[in-house]
Amino acid sequence: MTDGDCRYYWDSIDAAVVECGLPSIHTLGYIPTWFLMPIGHILKYLGHIFGFISTLTPFVILMVTNHHFFNINKVCRDIGYRPIIAFDEGWLQTARINKERLGI
């Protein structure tokens, strides 16, 4: 997820979202984890009963509310890895390509 500098996952996702012409995810409303978690458990339980798969599960809630941090310093130090392209440049190129493919 990173080629160089240390990065926060959601800041990178936000940059791609904004590049695609959508509003920043930081401007969206906030729903606390304590509120979402019971809903996730209820949907998972109902899915077992009625035979559907909910995409809002406790696991998904934990993954999207967790603070992910990516850092490649150890791989650079241990095996001499060096990025070919700067992360910001590569990430924006990826967002632009996907934007074109989706016709946004």
PDB file of N, CA and C in Angstrom:
ATOM      1  N   MET A   1       0.821  -1.196   0.000  1.00  0.00           N
ATOM      2  CA  MET A   1       0.000   0.000   0.000  1.00  0.00           C
ATOM      3  C   MET A   1       0.862   1.255   0.000  1.00  0.00           C
ATOM      4  N   THR A   2       2.149   1.135   0.188  1.00  0.00           N
ATOM      5  CA  THR A   2       2.973   2.329   0.201  1.00  0.00           C
ATOM      6  C   THR A   2       4.289   2.085  -0.517  1.00  0.00           C
ATOM      7  N   ASP A   3       4.778   3.084  -1.141  1.00  0.00           N
ATOM      8  CA  ASP A   3       6.079   3.035  -1.800  1.00  0.00           C
ATOM      9  C   ASP A   3       6.884   4.236  -1.339  1.00  0.00           C
ATOM     10  N   GLY A   4       7.341   4.186  -0.122  1.00  0.00           N
ATOM     11  CA  GLY A   4       8.165   5.266   0.398  1.00  0.00           C
ATOM     12  C   GLY A   4       7.720   5.729   1.755  1.00  0.00           C
ATOM     13  N   ASP A   5       7.082   6.880   1.794  1.00  0.00           N
ATOM     14  CA  ASP A   5       6.692   7.488   3.064  1.00  0.00           C
ATOM     15  C   ASP A   5       5.699   6.619   3.836  1.00  0.00           C
ATOM     16  N   CYS A   6       5.638   6.841   5.135  1.00  0.00           N
ATOM     17  CA  CYS A   6       4.630   6.200   5.970  1.00  0.00           C
ATOM     18  C   CYS A   6       3.269   6.796   5.618  1.00  0.00           C
ATOM     19  N   ARG A   7       2.252   5.969   5.589  1.00  0.00           N
ATOM     20  CA  ARG A   7       0.925   6.413   5.153  1.00  0.00           C
ATOM     21  C   ARG A   7      -0.176   5.859   6.035  1.00  0.00           C
ATOM     22  N   TYR A   8      -1.221   6.653   6.189  1.00  0.00           N
ATOM     23  CA  TYR A   8      -2.449   6.179   6.808  1.00  0.00           C
ATOM     24  C   TYR A   8      -3.386   5.721   5.695  1.00  0.00           C
ATOM     25  N   TYR A   9      -3.951   4.557   5.875  1.00  0.00           N
ATOM     26  CA  TYR A   9      -4.804   3.920   4.872  1.00  0.00           C
ATOM     27  C   TYR A   9      -5.928   4.840   4.394  1.00  0.00           C
ATOM     28  N   TRP A  10      -6.690   5.403   5.314  1.00  0.00           N
ATOM     29  CA  TRP A  10      -7.868   6.183   4.923  1.00  0.00           C
ATOM     30  C   TRP A  10      -7.504   7.492   4.233  1.00  0.00           C
ATOM     31  N   ASP A  11      -6.333   8.053   4.503  1.00  0.00           N
ATOM     32  CA  ASP A  11      -5.894   9.240   3.768  1.00  0.00           C
ATOM     33  C   ASP A  11      -5.631   8.891   2.306  1.00  0.00           C
ATOM     34  N   SER A  12      -5.087   7.713   2.057  1.00  0.00           N
ATOM     35  CA  SER A  12      -4.841   7.261   0.684  1.00  0.00           C
ATOM     36  C   SER A  12      -6.153   6.995  -0.043  1.00  0.00           C
ATOM     37  N   ILE A  13      -7.078   6.344   0.637  1.00  0.00           N
ATOM     38  CA  ILE A  13      -8.390   6.081   0.036  1.00  0.00           C
ATOM     39  C   ILE A  13      -9.082   7.404  -0.280  1.00  0.00           C
ATOM     40  N   ASP A  14      -8.992   8.360   0.638  1.00  0.00           N
ATOM     41  CA  ASP A  14      -9.613   9.665   0.426  1.00  0.00           C
ATOM     42  C   ASP A  14      -9.034  10.367  -0.799  1.00  0.00           C
ATOM     43  N   ALA A  15      -7.730  10.283  -0.996  1.00  0.00           N
ATOM     44  CA  ALA A  15      -7.102  10.921  -2.162  1.00  0.00           C
ATOM     45  C   ALA A  15      -7.666  10.338  -3.459  1.00  0.00           C
ATOM     46  N   ALA A  16      -7.876   9.016  -3.498  1.00  0.00           N
ATOM     47  CA  ALA A  16      -8.434   8.377  -4.692  1.00  0.00           C
ATOM     48  C   ALA A  16      -9.890   8.782  -4.901  1.00  0.00           C
ATOM     49  N   VAL A  17     -10.647   8.865  -3.821  1.00  0.00           N
ATOM     50  CA  VAL A  17     -12.057   9.257  -3.901  1.00  0.00           C
ATOM     51  C   VAL A  17     -12.180  10.679  -4.448  1.00  0.00           C
ATOM     52  N   VAL A  18     -11.376  11.583  -3.938  1.00  0.00           N
ATOM     53  CA  VAL A  18     -11.401  12.983  -4.391  1.00  0.00           C
ATOM     54  C   VAL A  18     -10.947  13.077  -5.845  1.00  0.00           C
ATOM     55  N   GLU A  19      -9.934  12.298  -6.229  1.00  0.00           N
ATOM     56  CA  GLU A  19      -9.454  12.293  -7.619  1.00  0.00           C
ATOM     57  C   GLU A  19     -10.562  11.864  -8.583  1.00  0.00           C
ATOM     58  N   CYS A  20     -11.455  11.006  -8.113  1.00  0.00           N
ATOM     59  CA  CYS A  20     -12.570  10.543  -8.955  1.00  0.00           C
ATOM     60  C   CYS A  20     -13.739  11.530  -8.968  1.00  0.00           C
ATOM     61  N   GLY A  21     -13.554  12.678  -8.321  1.00  0.00           N
ATOM     62  CA  GLY A  21     -14.576  13.718  -8.359  1.00  0.00           C
ATOM     63  C   GLY A  21     -15.649  13.587  -7.296  1.00  0.00           C
ATOM     64  N   LEU A  22     -15.451  12.717  -6.347  1.00  0.00           N
ATOM     65  CA  LEU A  22     -16.421  12.541  -5.269  1.00  0.00           C
ATOM     66  C   LEU A  22     -15.987  13.368  -4.055  1.00  0.00           C
ATOM     67  N   PRO A  23     -16.918  13.650  -3.149  1.00  0.00           N
ATOM     68  CA  PRO A  23     -16.534  14.426  -1.965  1.00  0.00           C
ATOM     69  C   PRO A  23     -15.615  13.623  -1.045  1.00  0.00           C
ATOM     70  N   SER A  24     -14.783  14.329  -0.336  1.00  0.00           N
ATOM     71  CA  SER A  24     -13.860  13.705   0.601  1.00  0.00           C
ATOM     72  C   SER A  24     -14.616  12.862   1.616  1.00  0.00           C
ATOM     73  N   ILE A  25     -14.072  11.686   1.923  1.00  0.00           N
ATOM     74  CA  ILE A  25     -14.723  10.842   2.929  1.00  0.00           C
ATOM     75  C   ILE A  25     -14.650  11.488   4.312  1.00  0.00           C
ATOM     76  N   HIS A  26     -13.743  12.430   4.481  1.00  0.00           N
ATOM     77  CA  HIS A  26     -13.625  13.118   5.762  1.00  0.00           C
ATOM     78  C   HIS A  26     -14.781  14.091   6.004  1.00  0.00           C
ATOM     79  N   THR A  27     -15.544  14.398   4.950  1.00  0.00           N
ATOM     80  CA  THR A  27     -16.681  15.307   5.101  1.00  0.00           C
ATOM     81  C   THR A  27     -17.982  14.557   5.355  1.00  0.00           C
ATOM     82  N   LEU A  28     -17.942  13.232   5.257  1.00  0.00           N
ATOM     83  CA  LEU A  28     -19.144  12.431   5.498  1.00  0.00           C
ATOM     84  C   LEU A  28     -19.437  12.357   6.987  1.00  0.00           C
ATOM     85  N   GLY A  29     -20.640  11.999   7.305  1.00  0.00           N
ATOM     86  CA  GLY A  29     -21.014  11.878   8.705  1.00  0.00           C
ATOM     87  C   GLY A  29     -20.269  10.755   9.398  1.00  0.00           C
ATOM     88  N   TYR A  30     -20.234  10.809  10.689  1.00  0.00           N
ATOM     89  CA  TYR A  30     -19.524   9.833  11.507  1.00  0.00           C
ATOM     90  C   TYR A  30     -20.536   8.958  12.231  1.00  0.00           C
ATOM     91  N   ILE A  31     -20.357   7.639  12.114  1.00  0.00           N
ATOM     92  CA  ILE A  31     -21.191   6.694  12.862  1.00  0.00           C
ATOM     93  C   ILE A  31     -20.252   5.920  13.785  1.00  0.00           C
ATOM     94  N   PRO A  32     -20.460   5.998  15.095  1.00  0.00           N
ATOM     95  CA  PRO A  32     -19.537   5.353  16.023  1.00  0.00           C
ATOM     96  C   PRO A  32     -19.575   3.823  15.930  1.00  0.00           C
ATOM     97  N   THR A  33     -18.440   3.215  16.224  1.00  0.00           N
ATOM     98  CA  THR A  33     -18.312   1.759  16.179  1.00  0.00           C
ATOM     99  C   THR A  33     -19.286   1.096  17.145  1.00  0.00           C
ATOM    100  N   TRP A  34     -19.474   1.680  18.310  1.00  0.00           N
ATOM    101  CA  TRP A  34     -20.369   1.074  19.295  1.00  0.00           C
ATOM    102  C   TRP A  34     -21.799   0.983  18.774  1.00  0.00           C
ATOM    103  N   PHE A  35     -22.159   1.867  17.842  1.00  0.00           N
ATOM    104  CA  PHE A  35     -23.496   1.844  17.240  1.00  0.00           C
ATOM    105  C   PHE A  35     -23.563   0.816  16.107  1.00  0.00           C
ATOM    106  N   LEU A  36     -22.499   0.739  15.309  1.00  0.00           N
ATOM    107  CA  LEU A  36     -22.479  -0.166  14.160  1.00  0.00           C
ATOM    108  C   LEU A  36     -22.354  -1.636  14.551  1.00  0.00           C
ATOM    109  N   MET A  37     -21.598  -1.920  15.589  1.00  0.00           N
ATOM    110  CA  MET A  37     -21.303  -3.308  15.935  1.00  0.00           C
ATOM    111  C   MET A  37     -22.558  -4.139  16.229  1.00  0.00           C
ATOM    112  N   PRO A  38     -23.504  -3.659  17.025  1.00  0.00           N
ATOM    113  CA  PRO A  38     -24.724  -4.460  17.232  1.00  0.00           C
ATOM    114  C   PRO A  38     -25.498  -4.683  15.923  1.00  0.00           C
ATOM    115  N   ILE A  39     -25.506  -3.683  15.052  1.00  0.00           N
ATOM    116  CA  ILE A  39     -26.186  -3.838  13.758  1.00  0.00           C
ATOM    117  C   ILE A  39     -25.499  -4.929  12.945  1.00  0.00           C
ATOM    118  N   GLY A  40     -24.182  -4.938  12.954  1.00  0.00           N
ATOM    119  CA  GLY A  40     -23.436  -5.976  12.247  1.00  0.00           C
ATOM    120  C   GLY A  40     -23.758  -7.366  12.766  1.00  0.00           C
ATOM    121  N   HIS A  41     -23.828  -7.512  14.079  1.00  0.00           N
ATOM    122  CA  HIS A  41     -24.166  -8.814  14.673  1.00  0.00           C
ATOM    123  C   HIS A  41     -25.592  -9.230  14.318  1.00  0.00           C
ATOM    124  N   ILE A  42     -26.528  -8.294  14.353  1.00  0.00           N
ATOM    125  CA  ILE A  42     -27.916  -8.593  14.006  1.00  0.00           C
ATOM    126  C   ILE A  42     -28.016  -9.032  12.545  1.00  0.00           C
ATOM    127  N   LEU A  43     -27.358  -8.311  11.636  1.00  0.00           N
ATOM    128  CA  LEU A  43     -27.405  -8.671  10.220  1.00  0.00           C
ATOM    129  C   LEU A  43     -26.749 -10.025   9.953  1.00  0.00           C
ATOM    130  N   LYS A  44     -25.670 -10.298  10.656  1.00  0.00           N
ATOM    131  CA  LYS A  44     -25.014 -11.602  10.501  1.00  0.00           C
ATOM    132  C   LYS A  44     -25.944 -12.715  10.978  1.00  0.00           C
ATOM    133  N   TYR A  45     -26.593 -12.518  12.108  1.00  0.00           N
ATOM    134  CA  TYR A  45     -27.527 -13.498  12.657  1.00  0.00           C
ATOM    135  C   TYR A  45     -28.725 -13.704  11.727  1.00  0.00           C
ATOM    136  N   LEU A  46     -29.302 -12.598  11.249  1.00  0.00           N
ATOM    137  CA  LEU A  46     -30.437 -12.698  10.324  1.00  0.00           C
ATOM    138  C   LEU A  46     -30.027 -13.390   9.018  1.00  0.00           C
ATOM    139  N   GLY A  47     -28.811 -13.162   8.595  1.00  0.00           N
ATOM    140  CA  GLY A  47     -28.315 -13.825   7.398  1.00  0.00           C
ATOM    141  C   GLY A  47     -28.265 -15.324   7.558  1.00  0.00           C
ATOM    142  N   HIS A  48     -27.861 -15.780   8.740  1.00  0.00           N
ATOM    143  CA  HIS A  48     -27.841 -17.223   9.005  1.00  0.00           C
ATOM    144  C   HIS A  48     -29.259 -17.800   8.980  1.00  0.00           C
ATOM    145  N   ILE A  49     -30.206 -17.054   9.520  1.00  0.00           N
ATOM    146  CA  ILE A  49     -31.585 -17.535   9.595  1.00  0.00           C
ATOM    147  C   ILE A  49     -32.253 -17.529   8.217  1.00  0.00           C
ATOM    148  N   PHE A  50     -32.106 -16.417   7.476  1.00  0.00           N
ATOM    149  CA  PHE A  50     -32.829 -16.247   6.220  1.00  0.00           C
ATOM    150  C   PHE A  50     -32.004 -16.564   4.975  1.00  0.00           C
ATOM    151  N   GLY A  51     -30.761 -16.956   5.156  1.00  0.00           N
ATOM    152  CA  GLY A  51     -29.951 -17.420   4.038  1.00  0.00           C
ATOM    153  C   GLY A  51     -29.378 -16.339   3.135  1.00  0.00           C
ATOM    154  N   PHE A  52     -29.019 -15.212   3.684  1.00  0.00           N
ATOM    155  CA  PHE A  52     -28.347 -14.195   2.875  1.00  0.00           C
ATOM    156  C   PHE A  52     -27.014 -13.842   3.542  1.00  0.00           C
ATOM    157  N   ILE A  53     -26.153 -13.224   2.775  1.00  0.00           N
ATOM    158  CA  ILE A  53     -24.860 -12.817   3.300  1.00  0.00           C
ATOM    159  C   ILE A  53     -24.831 -11.297   3.367  1.00  0.00           C
ATOM    160  N   SER A  54     -24.674 -10.788   4.562  1.00  0.00           N
ATOM    161  CA  SER A  54     -24.595  -9.343   4.764  1.00  0.00           C
ATOM    162  C   SER A  54     -23.158  -8.875   4.569  1.00  0.00           C
ATOM    163  N   THR A  55     -22.995  -7.746   3.932  1.00  0.00           N
ATOM    164  CA  THR A  55     -21.650  -7.181   3.796  1.00  0.00           C
ATOM    165  C   THR A  55     -21.267  -6.349   5.018  1.00  0.00           C
ATOM    166  N   LEU A  56     -22.229  -6.049   5.866  1.00  0.00           N
ATOM    167  CA  LEU A  56     -21.944  -5.315   7.101  1.00  0.00           C
ATOM    168  C   LEU A  56     -21.872  -6.315   8.251  1.00  0.00           C
ATOM    169  N   THR A  57     -20.698  -6.895   8.446  1.00  0.00           N
ATOM    170  CA  THR A  57     -20.481  -7.878   9.501  1.00  0.00           C
ATOM    171  C   THR A  57     -19.590  -7.262  10.579  1.00  0.00           C
ATOM    172  N   PRO A  58     -19.539  -7.871  11.739  1.00  0.00           N
ATOM    173  CA  PRO A  58     -18.632  -7.356  12.771  1.00  0.00           C
ATOM    174  C   PRO A  58     -17.184  -7.285  12.288  1.00  0.00           C
ATOM    175  N   PHE A  59     -16.747  -8.270  11.512  1.00  0.00           N
ATOM    176  CA  PHE A  59     -15.380  -8.252  11.000  1.00  0.00           C
ATOM    177  C   PHE A  59     -15.142  -7.043  10.097  1.00  0.00           C
ATOM    178  N   VAL A  60     -16.066  -6.792   9.178  1.00  0.00           N
ATOM    179  CA  VAL A  60     -15.932  -5.650   8.266  1.00  0.00           C
ATOM    180  C   VAL A  60     -15.913  -4.346   9.058  1.00  0.00           C
ATOM    181  N   ILE A  61     -16.771  -4.242  10.042  1.00  0.00           N
ATOM    182  CA  ILE A  61     -16.809  -3.037  10.873  1.00  0.00           C
ATOM    183  C   ILE A  61     -15.463  -2.816  11.566  1.00  0.00           C
ATOM    184  N   LEU A  62     -14.886  -3.884  12.113  1.00  0.00           N
ATOM    185  CA  LEU A  62     -13.574  -3.760  12.753  1.00  0.00           C
ATOM    186  C   LEU A  62     -12.496  -3.341  11.755  1.00  0.00           C
ATOM    187  N   MET A  63     -12.546  -3.877  10.551  1.00  0.00           N
ATOM    188  CA  MET A  63     -11.522  -3.562   9.549  1.00  0.00           C
ATOM    189  C   MET A  63     -11.615  -2.118   9.058  1.00  0.00           C
ATOM    190  N   VAL A  64     -12.829  -1.604   8.868  1.00  0.00           N
ATOM    191  CA  VAL A  64     -12.940  -0.232   8.359  1.00  0.00           C
ATOM    192  C   VAL A  64     -12.803   0.823   9.451  1.00  0.00           C
ATOM    193  N   THR A  65     -12.943   0.421  10.708  1.00  0.00           N
ATOM    194  CA  THR A  65     -12.794   1.399  11.785  1.00  0.00           C
ATOM    195  C   THR A  65     -11.425   1.324  12.441  1.00  0.00           C
ATOM    196  N   ASN A  66     -10.627   0.343  12.074  1.00  0.00           N
ATOM    197  CA  ASN A  66      -9.277   0.200  12.603  1.00  0.00           C
ATOM    198  C   ASN A  66      -8.367   1.224  11.933  1.00  0.00           C
ATOM    199  N   HIS A  67      -7.405   1.735  12.659  1.00  0.00           N
ATOM    200  CA  HIS A  67      -6.451   2.685  12.101  1.00  0.00           C
ATOM    201  C   HIS A  67      -5.288   1.915  11.491  1.00  0.00           C
ATOM    202  N   HIS A  68      -5.276   1.816  10.167  1.00  0.00           N
ATOM    203  CA  HIS A  68      -4.208   1.111   9.457  1.00  0.00           C
ATOM    204  C   HIS A  68      -3.086   2.083   9.133  1.00  0.00           C
ATOM    205  N   PHE A  69      -1.871   1.636   9.325  1.00  0.00           N
ATOM    206  CA  PHE A  69      -0.700   2.452   9.066  1.00  0.00           C
ATOM    207  C   PHE A  69       0.296   1.600   8.304  1.00  0.00           C
ATOM    208  N   PHE A  70       0.794   2.093   7.188  1.00  0.00           N
ATOM    209  CA  PHE A  70       1.705   1.329   6.355  1.00  0.00           C
ATOM    210  C   PHE A  70       3.072   1.992   6.324  1.00  0.00           C
ATOM    211  N   ASN A  71       4.099   1.183   6.499  1.00  0.00           N
ATOM    212  CA  ASN A  71       5.456   1.684   6.557  1.00  0.00           C
ATOM    213  C   ASN A  71       6.379   0.619   5.967  1.00  0.00           C
ATOM    214  N   ILE A  72       7.216   0.992   4.983  1.00  0.00           N
ATOM    215  CA  ILE A  72       8.100   0.022   4.329  1.00  0.00           C
ATOM    216  C   ILE A  72       9.549   0.168   4.762  1.00  0.00           C
ATOM    217  N   ASN A  73       9.812   0.885   5.835  1.00  0.00           N
ATOM    218  CA  ASN A  73      11.193   1.114   6.269  1.00  0.00           C
ATOM    219  C   ASN A  73      11.962  -0.185   6.517  1.00  0.00           C
ATOM    220  N   LYS A  74      11.312  -1.182   7.124  1.00  0.00           N
ATOM    221  CA  LYS A  74      12.013  -2.431   7.435  1.00  0.00           C
ATOM    222  C   LYS A  74      12.402  -3.198   6.177  1.00  0.00           C
ATOM    223  N   VAL A  75      11.517  -3.264   5.190  1.00  0.00           N
ATOM    224  CA  VAL A  75      11.858  -3.997   3.964  1.00  0.00           C
ATOM    225  C   VAL A  75      12.958  -3.268   3.194  1.00  0.00           C
ATOM    226  N   CYS A  76      12.967  -1.952   3.266  1.00  0.00           N
ATOM    227  CA  CYS A  76      14.057  -1.188   2.637  1.00  0.00           C
ATOM    228  C   CYS A  76      15.378  -1.488   3.336  1.00  0.00           C
ATOM    229  N   ARG A  77      15.333  -1.528   4.653  1.00  0.00           N
ATOM    230  CA  ARG A  77      16.545  -1.792   5.430  1.00  0.00           C
ATOM    231  C   ARG A  77      17.006  -3.244   5.273  1.00  0.00           C
ATOM    232  N   ASP A  78      16.071  -4.199   5.372  1.00  0.00           N
ATOM    233  CA  ASP A  78      16.438  -5.611   5.418  1.00  0.00           C
ATOM    234  C   ASP A  78      16.835  -6.205   4.072  1.00  0.00           C
ATOM    235  N   ILE A  79      16.112  -5.846   3.015  1.00  0.00           N
ATOM    236  CA  ILE A  79      16.430  -6.464   1.715  1.00  0.00           C
ATOM    237  C   ILE A  79      16.797  -5.453   0.639  1.00  0.00           C
ATOM    238  N   GLY A  80      16.862  -4.186   1.015  1.00  0.00           N
ATOM    239  CA  GLY A  80      17.295  -3.160   0.068  1.00  0.00           C
ATOM    240  C   GLY A  80      16.251  -2.760  -0.960  1.00  0.00           C
ATOM    241  N   TYR A  81      14.977  -2.996  -0.655  1.00  0.00           N
ATOM    242  CA  TYR A  81      13.904  -2.609  -1.587  1.00  0.00           C
ATOM    243  C   TYR A  81      13.887  -1.100  -1.776  1.00  0.00           C
ATOM    244  N   ARG A  82      13.683  -0.669  -3.000  1.00  0.00           N
ATOM    245  CA  ARG A  82      13.513   0.757  -3.300  1.00  0.00           C
ATOM    246  C   ARG A  82      12.348   0.894  -4.273  1.00  0.00           C
ATOM    247  N   PRO A  83      11.407   1.783  -3.986  1.00  0.00           N
ATOM    248  CA  PRO A  83      10.266   1.979  -4.873  1.00  0.00           C
ATOM    249  C   PRO A  83      10.705   2.497  -6.242  1.00  0.00           C
ATOM    250  N   ILE A  84      10.018   2.046  -7.277  1.00  0.00           N
ATOM    251  CA  ILE A  84      10.308   2.497  -8.634  1.00  0.00           C
ATOM    252  C   ILE A  84       9.646   3.848  -8.887  1.00  0.00           C
ATOM    253  N   ILE A  85       8.473   4.042  -8.316  1.00  0.00           N
ATOM    254  CA  ILE A  85       7.699   5.265  -8.519  1.00  0.00           C
ATOM    255  C   ILE A  85       7.215   5.753  -7.149  1.00  0.00           C
ATOM    256  N   ALA A  86       7.139   7.049  -6.986  1.00  0.00           N
ATOM    257  CA  ALA A  86       6.659   7.611  -5.716  1.00  0.00           C
ATOM    258  C   ALA A  86       5.199   7.227  -5.507  1.00  0.00           C
ATOM    259  N   PHE A  87       4.835   6.985  -4.261  1.00  0.00           N
ATOM    260  CA  PHE A  87       3.479   6.535  -3.956  1.00  0.00           C
ATOM    261  C   PHE A  87       2.420   7.498  -4.460  1.00  0.00           C
ATOM    262  N   ASP A  88       2.570   8.787  -4.156  1.00  0.00           N
ATOM    263  CA  ASP A  88       1.548   9.767  -4.547  1.00  0.00           C
ATOM    264  C   ASP A  88       1.321   9.750  -6.051  1.00  0.00           C
ATOM    265  N   GLU A  89       2.403   9.691  -6.817  1.00  0.00           N
ATOM    266  CA  GLU A  89       2.289   9.663  -8.276  1.00  0.00           C
ATOM    267  C   GLU A  89       1.592   8.382  -8.744  1.00  0.00           C
ATOM    268  N   GLY A  90       2.022   7.244  -8.226  1.00  0.00           N
ATOM    269  CA  GLY A  90       1.427   5.965  -8.617  1.00  0.00           C
ATOM    270  C   GLY A  90      -0.025   5.844  -8.206  1.00  0.00           C
ATOM    271  N   TRP A  91      -0.354   6.330  -7.014  1.00  0.00           N
ATOM    272  CA  TRP A  91      -1.728   6.240  -6.513  1.00  0.00           C
ATOM    273  C   TRP A  91      -2.666   7.101  -7.362  1.00  0.00           C
ATOM    274  N   LEU A  92      -2.235   8.314  -7.708  1.00  0.00           N
ATOM    275  CA  LEU A  92      -3.073   9.171  -8.539  1.00  0.00           C
ATOM    276  C   LEU A  92      -3.196   8.617  -9.959  1.00  0.00           C
ATOM    277  N   GLN A  93      -2.129   8.016 -10.491  1.00  0.00           N
ATOM    278  CA  GLN A  93      -2.217   7.375 -11.809  1.00  0.00           C
ATOM    279  C   GLN A  93      -3.245   6.249 -11.777  1.00  0.00           C
ATOM    280  N   THR A  94      -3.208   5.457 -10.727  1.00  0.00           N
ATOM    281  CA  THR A  94      -4.163   4.359 -10.581  1.00  0.00           C
ATOM    282  C   THR A  94      -5.586   4.886 -10.494  1.00  0.00           C
ATOM    283  N   ALA A  95      -5.794   5.943  -9.717  1.00  0.00           N
ATOM    284  CA  ALA A  95      -7.131   6.525  -9.578  1.00  0.00           C
ATOM    285  C   ALA A  95      -7.615   7.066 -10.920  1.00  0.00           C
ATOM    286  N   ARG A  96      -6.737   7.732 -11.669  1.00  0.00           N
ATOM    287  CA  ARG A  96      -7.128   8.286 -12.977  1.00  0.00           C
ATOM    288  C   ARG A  96      -7.476   7.178 -13.966  1.00  0.00           C
ATOM    289  N   ILE A  97      -6.695   6.114 -13.985  1.00  0.00           N
ATOM    290  CA  ILE A  97      -6.972   4.996 -14.892  1.00  0.00           C
ATOM    291  C   ILE A  97      -8.324   4.372 -14.560  1.00  0.00           C
ATOM    292  N   ASN A  98      -8.569   4.142 -13.290  1.00  0.00           N
ATOM    293  CA  ASN A  98      -9.857   3.559 -12.899  1.00  0.00           C
ATOM    294  C   ASN A  98     -11.014   4.515 -13.165  1.00  0.00           C
ATOM    295  N   LYS A  99     -10.770   5.788 -13.010  1.00  0.00           N
ATOM    296  CA  LYS A  99     -11.781   6.805 -13.302  1.00  0.00           C
ATOM    297  C   LYS A  99     -12.165   6.732 -14.777  1.00  0.00           C
ATOM    298  N   GLU A 100     -11.164   6.612 -15.658  1.00  0.00           N
ATOM    299  CA  GLU A 100     -11.419   6.494 -17.096  1.00  0.00           C
ATOM    300  C   GLU A 100     -12.178   5.216 -17.412  1.00  0.00           C
ATOM    301  N   ARG A 101     -11.766   4.111 -16.813  1.00  0.00           N
ATOM    302  CA  ARG A 101     -12.425   2.821 -17.061  1.00  0.00           C
ATOM    303  C   ARG A 101     -13.888   2.847 -16.635  1.00  0.00           C
ATOM    304  N   LEU A 102     -14.176   3.546 -15.557  1.00  0.00           N
ATOM    305  CA  LEU A 102     -15.550   3.622 -15.048  1.00  0.00           C
ATOM    306  C   LEU A 102     -16.361   4.722 -15.733  1.00  0.00           C
ATOM    307  N   GLY A 103     -15.687   5.552 -16.531  1.00  0.00           N
ATOM    308  CA  GLY A 103     -16.381   6.635 -17.226  1.00  0.00           C
ATOM    309  C   GLY A 103     -16.848   7.737 -16.286  1.00  0.00           C
ATOM    310  N   ILE A 104     -16.103   7.962 -15.246  1.00  0.00           N
ATOM    311  CA  ILE A 104     -16.484   8.999 -14.250  1.00  0.00           C
ATOM    312  C   ILE A 104     -15.932  10.330 -14.714  1.00  0.00           C
TER     313      ILE A 104
END
